[in-house]
Each structure stands twice: as structure tokens, then as C-alpha cells.
Amino acid sequence: MNKPLVLHVGVSSCTDKLTIEKCAFQKGYTRPDCSEMIISVEEVCSVEQEHIITGIDVDQICKSLNNNKQIKVCTSDNAGRYVSIL
């Protein structure tokens, strides 16, 4: 069975960089997005852990993207609990 790839990207007014999260939370996404929408399910993905840590080398991804110089990227291990509903 193929597992889905989810990239948790953080957006913040405190930085001018795109933030790639090293972790995510299973629950607790209760804040409305910019369209005043709130996610309608309690859990955002079907995993057992409440705090999910990636196995992907996020630091290497950021290093590679920053070498491109067209985009500024950093990492975070302090994921927020905000989901933008598309």
C-alpha cells in the first residue's frame, strides 16, 4: 500500500520565508482560516500518533531550495494548529 505524502507548510507574519514543518498535530485545528472556514473533522489524518514527526530530511530540502535563491525557506519543529481549507 502506498502511503500519502503530506508536506506541512507553515505561514506566519513573523517571517518572510516559507516554513516547512518537521512535525504536525493530529487534532486541535479549531481556528478559522482566512475565509472564516473551520475544518469540519476532529482529526486531520488517519494516524494513531497525536504528534507526527516526518521521516523526510527537511533540512536537506531547505538547503536545496535556498541554493536556488528564488525562494527563502526555513524549517520549524513547532507546528501551529491552523489549516487553510481550499
PDB file of N, CA and C in Angstrom:
ATOM      1  N   MET A   1       0.835  -1.180   0.000  1.00  0.00           N
ATOM      2  CA  MET A   1       0.000   0.000   0.000  1.00  0.00           C
ATOM      3  C   MET A   1       0.882   1.247   0.000  1.00  0.00           C
ATOM      4  N   ASN A   2       0.601   2.181  -0.882  1.00  0.00           N
ATOM      5  CA  ASN A   2       1.332   3.441  -0.920  1.00  0.00           C
ATOM      6  C   ASN A   2       0.796   4.384   0.138  1.00  0.00           C
ATOM      7  N   LYS A   3       1.704   5.010   0.860  1.00  0.00           N
ATOM      8  CA  LYS A   3       1.306   5.982   1.868  1.00  0.00           C
ATOM      9  C   LYS A   3       1.300   7.364   1.235  1.00  0.00           C
ATOM     10  N   PRO A   4       0.365   8.223   1.635  1.00  0.00           N
ATOM     11  CA  PRO A   4       0.325   9.569   1.063  1.00  0.00           C
ATOM     12  C   PRO A   4       1.483  10.420   1.579  1.00  0.00           C
ATOM     13  N   LEU A   5       1.926  11.345   0.774  1.00  0.00           N
ATOM     14  CA  LEU A   5       2.944  12.308   1.171  1.00  0.00           C
ATOM     15  C   LEU A   5       2.237  13.611   1.502  1.00  0.00           C
ATOM     16  N   VAL A   6       2.431  14.087   2.717  1.00  0.00           N
ATOM     17  CA  VAL A   6       1.838  15.346   3.147  1.00  0.00           C
ATOM     18  C   VAL A   6       2.962  16.270   3.559  1.00  0.00           C
ATOM     19  N   LEU A   7       3.006  17.441   2.983  1.00  0.00           N
ATOM     20  CA  LEU A   7       4.003  18.439   3.336  1.00  0.00           C
ATOM     21  C   LEU A   7       3.296  19.526   4.123  1.00  0.00           C
ATOM     22  N   HIS A   8       3.652  19.662   5.387  1.00  0.00           N
ATOM     23  CA  HIS A   8       3.038  20.650   6.270  1.00  0.00           C
ATOM     24  C   HIS A   8       3.855  21.932   6.138  1.00  0.00           C
ATOM     25  N   VAL A   9       3.256  22.945   5.540  1.00  0.00           N
ATOM     26  CA  VAL A   9       3.941  24.208   5.296  1.00  0.00           C
ATOM     27  C   VAL A   9       3.358  25.264   6.211  1.00  0.00           C
ATOM     28  N   GLY A  10       4.215  25.914   6.958  1.00  0.00           N
ATOM     29  CA  GLY A  10       3.771  26.949   7.878  1.00  0.00           C
ATOM     30  C   GLY A  10       3.829  28.322   7.239  1.00  0.00           C
ATOM     31  N   VAL A  11       2.858  29.140   7.568  1.00  0.00           N
ATOM     32  CA  VAL A  11       2.810  30.517   7.096  1.00  0.00           C
ATOM     33  C   VAL A  11       2.680  31.406   8.320  1.00  0.00           C
ATOM     34  N   SER A  12       3.485  32.441   8.387  1.00  0.00           N
ATOM     35  CA  SER A  12       3.469  33.304   9.555  1.00  0.00           C
ATOM     36  C   SER A  12       3.811  34.728   9.151  1.00  0.00           C
ATOM     37  N   SER A  13       3.206  35.673   9.825  1.00  0.00           N
ATOM     38  CA  SER A  13       3.542  37.076   9.579  1.00  0.00           C
ATOM     39  C   SER A  13       4.853  37.448  10.263  1.00  0.00           C
ATOM     40  N   CYS A  14       5.415  36.522  11.041  1.00  0.00           N
ATOM     41  CA  CYS A  14       6.661  36.778  11.776  1.00  0.00           C
ATOM     42  C   CYS A  14       7.905  36.504  10.942  1.00  0.00           C
ATOM     43  N   THR A  15       7.740  35.999   9.727  1.00  0.00           N
ATOM     44  CA  THR A  15       8.895  35.675   8.896  1.00  0.00           C
ATOM     45  C   THR A  15       8.596  35.988   7.436  1.00  0.00           C
ATOM     46  N   ASP A  16       9.648  36.185   6.668  1.00  0.00           N
ATOM     47  CA  ASP A  16       9.484  36.411   5.231  1.00  0.00           C
ATOM     48  C   ASP A  16       9.868  35.163   4.440  1.00  0.00           C
ATOM     49  N   LYS A  17       9.915  34.026   5.127  1.00  0.00           N
ATOM     50  CA  LYS A  17      10.288  32.762   4.496  1.00  0.00           C
ATOM     51  C   LYS A  17       9.123  31.781   4.520  1.00  0.00           C
ATOM     52  N   LEU A  18       9.151  30.852   3.591  1.00  0.00           N
ATOM     53  CA  LEU A  18       8.242  29.718   3.611  1.00  0.00           C
ATOM     54  C   LEU A  18       8.792  28.742   4.645  1.00  0.00           C
ATOM     55  N   THR A  19       7.958  28.278   5.548  1.00  0.00           N
ATOM     56  CA  THR A  19       8.410  27.398   6.621  1.00  0.00           C
ATOM     57  C   THR A  19       7.908  25.985   6.382  1.00  0.00           C
ATOM     58  N   ILE A  20       8.831  25.042   6.267  1.00  0.00           N
ATOM     59  CA  ILE A  20       8.462  23.635   6.128  1.00  0.00           C
ATOM     60  C   ILE A  20       8.539  23.009   7.513  1.00  0.00           C
ATOM     61  N   GLU A  21       7.417  22.493   7.956  1.00  0.00           N
ATOM     62  CA  GLU A  21       7.324  21.932   9.301  1.00  0.00           C
ATOM     63  C   GLU A  21       7.949  20.542   9.359  1.00  0.00           C
ATOM     64  N   LYS A  22       8.616  20.249  10.469  1.00  0.00           N
ATOM     65  CA  LYS A  22       9.176  18.922  10.705  1.00  0.00           C
ATOM     66  C   LYS A  22       8.179  18.026  11.424  1.00  0.00           C
ATOM     67  N   CYS A  23       7.054  18.610  11.839  1.00  0.00           N
ATOM     68  CA  CYS A  23       6.044  17.835  12.555  1.00  0.00           C
ATOM     69  C   CYS A  23       4.669  18.425  12.287  1.00  0.00           C
ATOM     70  N   ALA A  24       3.649  17.714  12.725  1.00  0.00           N
ATOM     71  CA  ALA A  24       2.264  18.176  12.613  1.00  0.00           C
ATOM     72  C   ALA A  24       1.473  17.552  13.751  1.00  0.00           C
ATOM     73  N   PHE A  25       0.319  18.101  14.004  1.00  0.00           N
ATOM     74  CA  PHE A  25      -0.556  17.566  15.039  1.00  0.00           C
ATOM     75  C   PHE A  25      -1.748  16.877  14.402  1.00  0.00           C
ATOM     76  N   GLN A  26      -2.261  15.872  15.059  1.00  0.00           N
ATOM     77  CA  GLN A  26      -3.413  15.107  14.595  1.00  0.00           C
ATOM     78  C   GLN A  26      -4.719  15.845  14.870  1.00  0.00           C
ATOM     79  N   LYS A  27      -4.782  16.576  15.984  1.00  0.00           N
ATOM     80  CA  LYS A  27      -6.025  17.217  16.420  1.00  0.00           C
ATOM     81  C   LYS A  27      -5.762  18.665  16.833  1.00  0.00           C
ATOM     82  N   GLY A  28      -6.846  19.373  17.082  1.00  0.00           N
ATOM     83  CA  GLY A  28      -6.730  20.703  17.668  1.00  0.00           C
ATOM     84  C   GLY A  28      -6.776  21.848  16.681  1.00  0.00           C
ATOM     85  N   TYR A  29      -7.129  21.574  15.434  1.00  0.00           N
ATOM     86  CA  TYR A  29      -7.207  22.628  14.426  1.00  0.00           C
ATOM     87  C   TYR A  29      -8.579  23.289  14.505  1.00  0.00           C
ATOM     88  N   THR A  30      -8.698  24.322  15.329  1.00  0.00           N
ATOM     89  CA  THR A  30     -10.000  24.934  15.595  1.00  0.00           C
ATOM     90  C   THR A  30     -10.080  26.396  15.168  1.00  0.00           C
ATOM     91  N   ARG A  31      -8.989  26.966  14.698  1.00  0.00           N
ATOM     92  CA  ARG A  31      -9.004  28.371  14.280  1.00  0.00           C
ATOM     93  C   ARG A  31      -9.515  28.499  12.851  1.00  0.00           C
ATOM     94  N   PRO A  32     -10.317  29.520  12.562  1.00  0.00           N
ATOM     95  CA  PRO A  32     -10.793  29.713  11.188  1.00  0.00           C
ATOM     96  C   PRO A  32      -9.659  30.162  10.267  1.00  0.00           C
ATOM     97  N   ASP A  33      -9.767  29.784   8.975  1.00  0.00           N
ATOM     98  CA  ASP A  33      -8.779  30.237   8.002  1.00  0.00           C
ATOM     99  C   ASP A  33      -9.149  31.632   7.503  1.00  0.00           C
ATOM    100  N   CYS A  34      -8.455  32.127   6.485  1.00  0.00           N
ATOM    101  CA  CYS A  34      -8.681  33.496   6.009  1.00  0.00           C
ATOM    102  C   CYS A  34     -10.064  33.680   5.386  1.00  0.00           C
ATOM    103  N   SER A  35     -10.756  32.589   5.081  1.00  0.00           N
ATOM    104  CA  SER A  35     -12.132  32.659   4.568  1.00  0.00           C
ATOM    105  C   SER A  35     -13.154  32.374   5.660  1.00  0.00           C
ATOM    106  N   GLU A  36     -12.684  32.364   6.918  1.00  0.00           N
ATOM    107  CA  GLU A  36     -13.528  32.086   8.088  1.00  0.00           C
ATOM    108  C   GLU A  36     -14.069  30.656   8.108  1.00  0.00           C
ATOM    109  N   MET A  37     -13.388  29.745   7.413  1.00  0.00           N
ATOM    110  CA  MET A  37     -13.779  28.338   7.403  1.00  0.00           C
ATOM    111  C   MET A  37     -13.010  27.607   8.505  1.00  0.00           C
ATOM    112  N   ILE A  38     -13.666  26.627   9.118  1.00  0.00           N
ATOM    113  CA  ILE A  38     -13.027  25.778  10.121  1.00  0.00           C
ATOM    114  C   ILE A  38     -13.169  24.340   9.652  1.00  0.00           C
ATOM    115  N   ILE A  39     -12.093  23.574   9.771  1.00  0.00           N
ATOM    116  CA  ILE A  39     -12.116  22.181   9.337  1.00  0.00           C
ATOM    117  C   ILE A  39     -13.253  21.447  10.047  1.00  0.00           C
ATOM    118  N   SER A  40     -13.980  20.615   9.318  1.00  0.00           N
ATOM    119  CA  SER A  40     -15.206  20.014   9.855  1.00  0.00           C
ATOM    120  C   SER A  40     -14.992  18.658  10.518  1.00  0.00           C
ATOM    121  N   VAL A  41     -13.772  18.162  10.534  1.00  0.00           N
ATOM    122  CA  VAL A  41     -13.498  16.881  11.186  1.00  0.00           C
ATOM    123  C   VAL A  41     -12.558  17.111  12.358  1.00  0.00           C
ATOM    124  N   GLU A  42     -12.655  16.251  13.353  1.00  0.00           N
ATOM    125  CA  GLU A  42     -11.809  16.418  14.534  1.00  0.00           C
ATOM    126  C   GLU A  42     -10.362  16.048  14.245  1.00  0.00           C
ATOM    127  N   GLU A  43     -10.152  15.000  13.435  1.00  0.00           N
ATOM    128  CA  GLU A  43      -8.804  14.545  13.125  1.00  0.00           C
ATOM    129  C   GLU A  43      -8.500  14.830  11.666  1.00  0.00           C
ATOM    130  N   VAL A  44      -7.275  15.302  11.391  1.00  0.00           N
ATOM    131  CA  VAL A  44      -6.931  15.706  10.029  1.00  0.00           C
ATOM    132  C   VAL A  44      -6.322  14.596   9.185  1.00  0.00           C
ATOM    133  N   CYS A  45      -5.877  13.511   9.803  1.00  0.00           N
ATOM    134  CA  CYS A  45      -5.380  12.374   9.033  1.00  0.00           C
ATOM    135  C   CYS A  45      -5.540  11.109   9.861  1.00  0.00           C
ATOM    136  N   SER A  46      -5.439   9.989   9.203  1.00  0.00           N
ATOM    137  CA  SER A  46      -5.723   8.720   9.878  1.00  0.00           C
ATOM    138  C   SER A  46      -4.442   8.053  10.378  1.00  0.00           C
ATOM    139  N   VAL A  47      -3.870   8.613  11.420  1.00  0.00           N
ATOM    140  CA  VAL A  47      -2.712   8.012  12.083  1.00  0.00           C
ATOM    141  C   VAL A  47      -3.015   7.925  13.567  1.00  0.00           C
ATOM    142  N   GLU A  48      -2.301   7.070  14.250  1.00  0.00           N
ATOM    143  CA  GLU A  48      -2.570   6.874  15.673  1.00  0.00           C
ATOM    144  C   GLU A  48      -1.887   7.913  16.560  1.00  0.00           C
ATOM    145  N   GLN A  49      -0.735   8.420  16.138  1.00  0.00           N
ATOM    146  CA  GLN A  49       0.003   9.374  16.958  1.00  0.00           C
ATOM    147  C   GLN A  49      -0.675  10.741  16.952  1.00  0.00           C
ATOM    148  N   GLU A  50      -0.629  11.430  18.089  1.00  0.00           N
ATOM    149  CA  GLU A  50      -1.173  12.788  18.140  1.00  0.00           C
ATOM    150  C   GLU A  50      -0.178  13.801  17.589  1.00  0.00           C
ATOM    151  N   HIS A  51       1.111  13.541  17.749  1.00  0.00           N
ATOM    152  CA  HIS A  51       2.179  14.417  17.271  1.00  0.00           C
ATOM    153  C   HIS A  51       2.969  13.634  16.232  1.00  0.00           C
ATOM    154  N   ILE A  52       2.930  14.054  14.991  1.00  0.00           N
ATOM    155  CA  ILE A  52       3.536  13.320  13.888  1.00  0.00           C
ATOM    156  C   ILE A  52       4.855  13.992  13.508  1.00  0.00           C
ATOM    157  N   ILE A  53       5.935  13.221  13.464  1.00  0.00           N
ATOM    158  CA  ILE A  53       7.246  13.750  13.086  1.00  0.00           C
ATOM    159  C   ILE A  53       7.640  13.130  11.752  1.00  0.00           C
ATOM    160  N   THR A  54       8.084  13.964  10.822  1.00  0.00           N
ATOM    161  CA  THR A  54       8.418  13.482   9.490  1.00  0.00           C
ATOM    162  C   THR A  54       9.697  12.651   9.481  1.00  0.00           C
ATOM    163  N   GLY A  55       9.777  11.742   8.542  1.00  0.00           N
ATOM    164  CA  GLY A  55      10.985  10.969   8.315  1.00  0.00           C
ATOM    165  C   GLY A  55      11.778  11.522   7.144  1.00  0.00           C
ATOM    166  N   ILE A  56      11.272  12.580   6.548  1.00  0.00           N
ATOM    167  CA  ILE A  56      11.923  13.214   5.399  1.00  0.00           C
ATOM    168  C   ILE A  56      13.004  14.170   5.904  1.00  0.00           C
ATOM    169  N   ASP A  57      14.107  14.259   5.186  1.00  0.00           N
ATOM    170  CA  ASP A  57      15.194  15.168   5.559  1.00  0.00           C
ATOM    171  C   ASP A  57      14.815  16.595   5.150  1.00  0.00           C
ATOM    172  N   VAL A  58      14.039  17.248   6.002  1.00  0.00           N
ATOM    173  CA  VAL A  58      13.535  18.593   5.724  1.00  0.00           C
ATOM    174  C   VAL A  58      14.678  19.601   5.639  1.00  0.00           C
ATOM    175  N   ASP A  59      15.718  19.425   6.456  1.00  0.00           N
ATOM    176  CA  ASP A  59      16.865  20.340   6.403  1.00  0.00           C
ATOM    177  C   ASP A  59      17.529  20.307   5.030  1.00  0.00           C
ATOM    178  N   GLN A  60      17.645  19.123   4.441  1.00  0.00           N
ATOM    179  CA  GLN A  60      18.249  18.999   3.110  1.00  0.00           C
ATOM    180  C   GLN A  60      17.356  19.635   2.041  1.00  0.00           C
ATOM    181  N   ILE A  61      16.048  19.472   2.173  1.00  0.00           N
ATOM    182  CA  ILE A  61      15.115  20.110   1.234  1.00  0.00           C
ATOM    183  C   ILE A  61      15.281  21.625   1.291  1.00  0.00           C
ATOM    184  N   CYS A  62      15.343  22.170   2.496  1.00  0.00           N
ATOM    185  CA  CYS A  62      15.511  23.619   2.652  1.00  0.00           C
ATOM    186  C   CYS A  62      16.840  24.092   2.081  1.00  0.00           C
ATOM    187  N   LYS A  63      17.891  23.342   2.347  1.00  0.00           N
ATOM    188  CA  LYS A  63      19.210  23.706   1.822  1.00  0.00           C
ATOM    189  C   LYS A  63      19.177  23.755   0.297  1.00  0.00           C
ATOM    190  N   SER A  64      18.566  22.756  -0.309  1.00  0.00           N
ATOM    191  CA  SER A  64      18.471  22.697  -1.762  1.00  0.00           C
ATOM    192  C   SER A  64      17.643  23.857  -2.317  1.00  0.00           C
ATOM    193  N   LEU A  65      16.502  24.135  -1.694  1.00  0.00           N
ATOM    194  CA  LEU A  65      15.650  25.237  -2.151  1.00  0.00           C
ATOM    195  C   LEU A  65      16.324  26.590  -1.955  1.00  0.00           C
ATOM    196  N   ASN A  66      17.019  26.766  -0.839  1.00  0.00           N
ATOM    197  CA  ASN A  66      17.701  28.034  -0.587  1.00  0.00           C
ATOM    198  C   ASN A  66      18.870  28.259  -1.536  1.00  0.00           C
ATOM    199  N   ASN A  67      19.486  27.187  -2.048  1.00  0.00           N
ATOM    200  CA  ASN A  67      20.551  27.326  -3.043  1.00  0.00           C
ATOM    201  C   ASN A  67      20.018  27.899  -4.345  1.00  0.00           C
ATOM    202  N   ASN A  68      18.733  27.691  -4.608  1.00  0.00           N
ATOM    203  CA  ASN A  68      18.077  28.204  -5.800  1.00  0.00           C
ATOM    204  C   ASN A  68      17.993  29.727  -5.769  1.00  0.00           C
ATOM    205  N   LYS A  69      17.905  30.309  -4.590  1.00  0.00           N
ATOM    206  CA  LYS A  69      17.865  31.749  -4.339  1.00  0.00           C
ATOM    207  C   LYS A  69      16.604  32.444  -4.856  1.00  0.00           C
ATOM    208  N   GLN A  70      15.656  31.700  -5.417  1.00  0.00           N
ATOM    209  CA  GLN A  70      14.402  32.310  -5.851  1.00  0.00           C
ATOM    210  C   GLN A  70      13.351  32.260  -4.755  1.00  0.00           C
ATOM    211  N   ILE A  71      13.610  31.462  -3.743  1.00  0.00           N
ATOM    212  CA  ILE A  71      12.666  31.311  -2.648  1.00  0.00           C
ATOM    213  C   ILE A  71      13.452  31.175  -1.352  1.00  0.00           C
ATOM    214  N   LYS A  72      12.950  31.782  -0.285  1.00  0.00           N
ATOM    215  CA  LYS A  72      13.573  31.655   1.023  1.00  0.00           C
ATOM    216  C   LYS A  72      12.775  30.634   1.823  1.00  0.00           C
ATOM    217  N   VAL A  73      13.470  29.638   2.357  1.00  0.00           N
ATOM    218  CA  VAL A  73      12.815  28.540   3.064  1.00  0.00           C
ATOM    219  C   VAL A  73      13.537  28.294   4.382  1.00  0.00           C
ATOM    220  N   CYS A  74      12.776  27.954   5.416  1.00  0.00           N
ATOM    221  CA  CYS A  74      13.360  27.551   6.691  1.00  0.00           C
ATOM    222  C   CYS A  74      12.544  26.383   7.240  1.00  0.00           C
ATOM    223  N   THR A  75      13.005  25.807   8.341  1.00  0.00           N
ATOM    224  CA  THR A  75      12.293  24.690   8.954  1.00  0.00           C
ATOM    225  C   THR A  75      11.763  25.103  10.319  1.00  0.00           C
ATOM    226  N   SER A  76      10.805  24.329  10.799  1.00  0.00           N
ATOM    227  CA  SER A  76      10.248  24.551  12.130  1.00  0.00           C
ATOM    228  C   SER A  76       9.890  23.210  12.743  1.00  0.00           C
ATOM    229  N   ASP A  77      10.114  23.089  14.045  1.00  0.00           N
ATOM    230  CA  ASP A  77       9.637  21.910  14.767  1.00  0.00           C
ATOM    231  C   ASP A  77       8.593  22.322  15.799  1.00  0.00           C
ATOM    232  N   ASN A  78       7.954  23.467  15.537  1.00  0.00           N
ATOM    233  CA  ASN A  78       6.913  23.997  16.410  1.00  0.00           C
ATOM    234  C   ASN A  78       5.680  24.326  15.564  1.00  0.00           C
ATOM    235  N   ALA A  79       5.061  23.286  15.035  1.00  0.00           N
ATOM    236  CA  ALA A  79       3.925  23.473  14.126  1.00  0.00           C
ATOM    237  C   ALA A  79       2.736  24.098  14.838  1.00  0.00           C
ATOM    238  N   GLY A  80       2.087  25.005  14.149  1.00  0.00           N
ATOM    239  CA  GLY A  80       0.866  25.598  14.682  1.00  0.00           C
ATOM    240  C   GLY A  80      -0.317  24.672  14.444  1.00  0.00           C
ATOM    241  N   ARG A  81      -1.474  25.126  14.818  1.00  0.00           N
ATOM    242  CA  ARG A  81      -2.694  24.327  14.628  1.00  0.00           C
ATOM    243  C   ARG A  81      -3.692  25.132  13.812  1.00  0.00           C
ATOM    244  N   TYR A  82      -3.310  25.366  12.574  1.00  0.00           N
ATOM    245  CA  TYR A  82      -4.103  26.163  11.648  1.00  0.00           C
ATOM    246  C   TYR A  82      -4.147  25.438  10.318  1.00  0.00           C
ATOM    247  N   VAL A  83      -5.329  25.228   9.769  1.00  0.00           N
ATOM    248  CA  VAL A  83      -5.473  24.561   8.478  1.00  0.00           C
ATOM    249  C   VAL A  83      -6.259  25.477   7.559  1.00  0.00           C
ATOM    250  N   SER A  84      -5.720  25.731   6.376  1.00  0.00           N
ATOM    251  CA  SER A  84      -6.438  26.506   5.375  1.00  0.00           C
ATOM    252  C   SER A  84      -7.235  25.540   4.514  1.00  0.00           C
ATOM    253  N   ILE A  85      -8.525  25.751   4.441  1.00  0.00           N
ATOM    254  CA  ILE A  85      -9.408  24.868   3.679  1.00  0.00           C
ATOM    255  C   ILE A  85      -9.532  25.413   2.269  1.00  0.00           C
ATOM    256  N   LEU A  86      -9.203  24.594   1.295  1.00  0.00           N
ATOM    257  CA  LEU A  86      -9.255  25.035  -0.105  1.00  0.00           C
ATOM    258  C   LEU A  86     -10.593  24.744  -0.719  1.00  0.00           C
TER     259      LEU A  86
END
